[in-house]
Each structure stands twice: as structure tokens, then as C-alpha cells.
Amino acid sequence: MDLDLIFVVGVLCCAFAIPALIAAFSDRRFPRVAIAFGVLGGVSIAYAMQENPGVYGISTIDEIFVDVIGRYLL
């Protein structure tokens, strides 16, 4: 699997974990789904950064997103 795709999926999982965490705390539930998304996203990001060091950073996230969208969706 492409490391850029793994990185993008990890970022999206972490982004989806935030609303799930807020919803769980507001309903006074244990945030199982939020924790699962956070762990999955964190592991995906860490794996992609470990396998391809120096490529992924805050300044390159938008370029990677556009590249993955162009490669897989268009």
C-alpha cells in the first residue's frame, strides 16, 4: 500500500476521532470509537513517517492530500 495513502488515512482517522470524543463526553459515555480512531490514525501516521522519514510534516500535508486525491479519486 502507498505510504502517502496510509498517511492520509491516518490523518483523517485522527480528525474523525475529535468529534467522536466530544460526542462521547457530552453523552457521558466511554469514548471507545474515538480511542479506536485515534489509535488507528496515530499508528498509521507513525508507520508512514517511520518508513519514509523526512517527507511528512505540517507544511507538506496539503500537498500529500492533493496528490492522494488526484491519484486515487480522479
Protein backbone atom coordinates (compact mmCIF):
# COMPACT_ATOMS: atom_id res chain seq x y z
CA MET A 1 0.00 0.00 0.00
CA ASP A 2 1.16 3.51 -0.76
CA LEU A 3 2.68 5.34 2.20
CA ASP A 4 1.02 8.61 1.20
CA LEU A 5 -2.37 6.88 1.31
CA ILE A 6 -1.59 5.40 4.74
CA PHE A 7 -0.60 8.86 5.99
CA VAL A 8 -3.79 10.48 4.65
CA VAL A 9 -5.98 7.75 6.14
CA GLY A 10 -4.22 8.25 9.47
CA VAL A 11 -4.79 12.00 9.43
CA LEU A 12 -8.46 11.51 8.55
CA CYS A 13 -8.92 8.95 11.33
CA CYS A 14 -7.42 11.37 13.85
CA ALA A 15 -9.65 14.14 12.52
CA PHE A 16 -12.76 11.96 12.88
CA ALA A 17 -11.72 10.98 16.41
CA ILE A 18 -12.12 14.54 17.69
CA PRO A 19 -15.91 14.87 17.10
CA ALA A 20 -16.42 11.30 18.31
CA LEU A 21 -14.56 12.15 21.52
CA ILE A 22 -16.62 15.29 22.08
CA ALA A 23 -19.87 13.42 21.41
CA ALA A 24 -18.95 10.62 23.80
CA PHE A 25 -18.08 13.01 26.61
CA SER A 26 -21.20 15.09 26.08
CA ASP A 27 -23.36 11.94 26.29
CA ARG A 28 -21.36 10.72 29.32
CA ARG A 29 -20.25 7.56 27.52
CA PHE A 30 -16.85 5.91 27.33
CA PRO A 31 -15.18 7.08 24.07
CA ARG A 32 -14.48 3.64 22.57
CA VAL A 33 -14.80 4.68 18.93
CA ALA A 34 -12.80 7.86 19.47
CA ILE A 35 -9.99 5.91 21.09
CA ALA A 36 -10.03 3.34 18.29
CA PHE A 37 -9.90 6.05 15.62
CA GLY A 38 -7.16 7.91 17.48
CA VAL A 39 -5.00 4.82 17.89
CA LEU A 40 -5.55 3.70 14.30
CA GLY A 41 -4.72 7.16 12.99
CA GLY A 42 -1.69 7.58 15.20
CA VAL A 43 -0.27 4.19 14.26
CA SER A 44 -0.87 4.87 10.56
CA ILE A 45 0.86 8.25 10.73
CA ALA A 46 3.75 6.82 12.74
CA TYR A 47 4.20 3.92 10.31
CA ALA A 48 4.23 6.20 7.27
CA MET A 49 6.68 8.59 8.93
CA GLN A 50 8.94 5.74 10.01
CA GLU A 51 9.05 4.12 6.58
CA ASN A 52 9.63 7.39 4.71
CA PRO A 53 11.48 9.74 7.10
CA GLY A 54 11.76 13.43 6.35
CA VAL A 55 8.90 13.55 3.85
CA TYR A 56 5.89 14.12 6.08
CA GLY A 57 5.43 17.32 8.02
CA ILE A 58 2.96 20.09 8.76
CA SER A 59 3.99 22.04 5.67
CA THR A 60 3.52 19.09 3.29
CA ILE A 61 0.14 17.76 4.46
CA ASP A 62 -1.83 19.71 1.86
CA GLU A 63 0.45 18.57 -0.98
CA ILE A 64 0.12 14.96 0.11
CA PHE A 65 -3.68 15.23 0.33
CA VAL A 66 -3.91 16.70 -3.19
CA ASP A 67 -1.55 14.05 -4.53
CA VAL A 68 -3.54 11.18 -2.99
CA ILE A 69 -6.88 12.61 -4.16
CA GLY A 70 -5.51 13.07 -7.66
CA ARG A 71 -4.02 9.60 -7.74
CA TYR A 72 -6.94 7.59 -6.34
CA LEU A 73 -10.11 9.57 -6.96
CA LEU A 74 -9.57 11.32 -10.26
